[in-house]
Amino acid sequence: MLSGKADAIRTYTVEGVFEEIPALAYPYKINIALGAWLDKDQVKNQREVETLI
């Protein structure tokens, strides 16, 4: 869908379906800039960072 229209995608979380974006973009050579959404919930933050890495 974005192949040929975008060179890169920026995400602000890797929670849920967003963690699948790198694998989906790879065959189309679309660069990904992953981000992690952090807040006061330390357990959620840890999970978000672990998924990001």
N, C-alpha and C. Protein backbone atom coordinates (compact mmCIF):
# COMPACT_ATOMS: atom_id res chain seq x y z
N MET A 1 0.81 -1.19 0.00
CA MET A 1 0.00 0.00 0.00
C MET A 1 0.87 1.27 0.00
N LEU A 2 1.95 1.27 0.77
CA LEU A 2 2.81 2.45 0.83
C LEU A 2 4.06 2.33 -0.03
N SER A 3 4.32 1.14 -0.56
CA SER A 3 5.50 0.94 -1.38
C SER A 3 5.45 1.86 -2.59
N GLY A 4 6.53 2.61 -2.79
CA GLY A 4 6.59 3.56 -3.88
C GLY A 4 6.02 4.93 -3.52
N LYS A 5 5.34 5.03 -2.39
CA LYS A 5 4.74 6.29 -1.95
C LYS A 5 5.42 6.86 -0.71
N ALA A 6 6.07 5.99 0.06
CA ALA A 6 6.73 6.43 1.29
C ALA A 6 8.07 5.72 1.40
N ASP A 7 9.06 6.45 1.89
CA ASP A 7 10.38 5.86 2.11
C ASP A 7 10.55 5.36 3.54
N ALA A 8 9.72 5.87 4.45
CA ALA A 8 9.87 5.53 5.86
C ALA A 8 8.54 5.65 6.59
N ILE A 9 8.47 4.94 7.71
CA ILE A 9 7.30 4.99 8.59
C ILE A 9 7.81 5.25 10.00
N ARG A 10 7.14 6.13 10.74
CA ARG A 10 7.48 6.43 12.13
C ARG A 10 6.35 5.94 13.00
N THR A 11 6.67 5.14 14.01
CA THR A 11 5.64 4.71 14.96
C THR A 11 5.92 5.33 16.32
N TYR A 12 4.88 5.42 17.13
CA TYR A 12 5.01 6.00 18.46
C TYR A 12 4.74 4.98 19.55
N THR A 13 4.53 3.74 19.16
CA THR A 13 4.35 2.63 20.09
C THR A 13 4.66 1.35 19.34
N VAL A 14 4.94 0.31 20.08
CA VAL A 14 5.12 -1.01 19.49
C VAL A 14 4.11 -1.99 20.11
N GLU A 15 3.06 -1.43 20.68
CA GLU A 15 2.04 -2.24 21.33
C GLU A 15 1.03 -2.76 20.30
N GLY A 16 0.55 -3.95 20.52
CA GLY A 16 -0.49 -4.52 19.66
C GLY A 16 0.01 -4.77 18.25
N VAL A 17 -0.79 -4.41 17.27
CA VAL A 17 -0.44 -4.68 15.87
C VAL A 17 0.75 -3.85 15.39
N PHE A 18 1.09 -2.78 16.09
CA PHE A 18 2.20 -1.94 15.67
C PHE A 18 3.54 -2.68 15.71
N GLU A 19 3.65 -3.71 16.55
CA GLU A 19 4.90 -4.46 16.61
C GLU A 19 5.14 -5.27 15.33
N GLU A 20 4.12 -5.44 14.50
CA GLU A 20 4.24 -6.18 13.24
C GLU A 20 4.74 -5.32 12.08
N ILE A 21 4.76 -4.02 12.24
CA ILE A 21 5.11 -3.11 11.15
C ILE A 21 6.49 -3.40 10.56
N PRO A 22 7.55 -3.59 11.35
CA PRO A 22 8.86 -3.85 10.73
C PRO A 22 8.85 -5.07 9.79
N ALA A 23 8.23 -6.15 10.22
CA ALA A 23 8.19 -7.35 9.38
C ALA A 23 7.38 -7.11 8.11
N LEU A 24 6.32 -6.32 8.22
CA LEU A 24 5.50 -6.02 7.04
C LEU A 24 6.21 -5.08 6.07
N ALA A 25 7.00 -4.16 6.59
CA ALA A 25 7.66 -3.16 5.76
C ALA A 25 8.94 -3.69 5.11
N TYR A 26 9.57 -4.66 5.74
CA TYR A 26 10.87 -5.16 5.28
C TYR A 26 10.87 -5.60 3.81
N PRO A 27 9.93 -6.39 3.35
CA PRO A 27 9.97 -6.82 1.95
C PRO A 27 9.88 -5.67 0.94
N TYR A 28 9.34 -4.54 1.38
CA TYR A 28 9.17 -3.39 0.50
C TYR A 28 10.27 -2.35 0.67
N LYS A 29 11.27 -2.69 1.52
CA LYS A 29 12.42 -1.81 1.77
C LYS A 29 12.00 -0.43 2.28
N ILE A 30 11.01 -0.41 3.15
CA ILE A 30 10.56 0.83 3.78
C ILE A 30 11.25 0.91 5.14
N ASN A 31 11.96 2.01 5.40
CA ASN A 31 12.64 2.22 6.67
C ASN A 31 11.63 2.47 7.78
N ILE A 32 11.96 1.98 8.97
CA ILE A 32 11.08 2.13 10.12
C ILE A 32 11.82 2.84 11.24
N ALA A 33 11.19 3.84 11.83
CA ALA A 33 11.69 4.49 13.03
C ALA A 33 10.71 4.16 14.15
N LEU A 34 11.08 3.20 14.98
CA LEU A 34 10.19 2.75 16.04
C LEU A 34 10.29 3.65 17.26
N GLY A 35 9.18 3.83 17.91
CA GLY A 35 9.14 4.60 19.15
C GLY A 35 8.43 3.81 20.23
N ALA A 36 8.59 4.22 21.45
CA ALA A 36 7.94 3.58 22.59
C ALA A 36 7.14 4.63 23.34
N TRP A 37 5.90 4.31 23.67
CA TRP A 37 5.05 5.21 24.43
C TRP A 37 5.22 4.89 25.90
N LEU A 38 5.82 5.81 26.65
CA LEU A 38 6.08 5.60 28.06
C LEU A 38 5.21 6.51 28.90
N ASP A 39 4.76 5.99 30.05
CA ASP A 39 3.96 6.80 30.97
C ASP A 39 4.29 6.38 32.41
N LYS A 40 3.40 6.58 33.34
CA LYS A 40 3.67 6.28 34.74
C LYS A 40 3.59 4.80 35.07
N ASP A 41 3.02 4.00 34.21
CA ASP A 41 2.87 2.56 34.43
C ASP A 41 4.19 1.86 34.11
N GLN A 42 4.97 1.55 35.13
CA GLN A 42 6.31 0.98 34.94
C GLN A 42 6.28 -0.41 34.30
N VAL A 43 5.27 -1.19 34.62
CA VAL A 43 5.16 -2.54 34.03
C VAL A 43 4.92 -2.43 32.53
N LYS A 44 4.01 -1.55 32.15
CA LYS A 44 3.72 -1.34 30.72
C LYS A 44 4.95 -0.76 30.02
N ASN A 45 5.64 0.16 30.67
CA ASN A 45 6.85 0.74 30.09
C ASN A 45 7.90 -0.33 29.82
N GLN A 46 8.09 -1.23 30.78
CA GLN A 46 9.08 -2.29 30.62
C GLN A 46 8.71 -3.18 29.43
N ARG A 47 7.44 -3.54 29.31
CA ARG A 47 6.99 -4.37 28.20
C ARG A 47 7.18 -3.65 26.87
N GLU A 48 6.89 -2.37 26.83
CA GLU A 48 7.03 -1.57 25.61
C GLU A 48 8.51 -1.51 25.17
N VAL A 49 9.40 -1.26 26.12
CA VAL A 49 10.82 -1.17 25.80
C VAL A 49 11.37 -2.53 25.38
N GLU A 50 10.97 -3.60 26.04
CA GLU A 50 11.43 -4.93 25.66
C GLU A 50 10.97 -5.29 24.25
N THR A 51 9.74 -4.93 23.90
CA THR A 51 9.24 -5.20 22.55
C THR A 51 10.00 -4.36 21.53
N LEU A 52 10.29 -3.13 21.88
CA LEU A 52 11.01 -2.22 21.00
C LEU A 52 12.41 -2.75 20.67
N ILE A 53 13.09 -3.25 21.69
CA ILE A 53 14.46 -3.74 21.50
C ILE A 53 14.43 -5.06 20.74
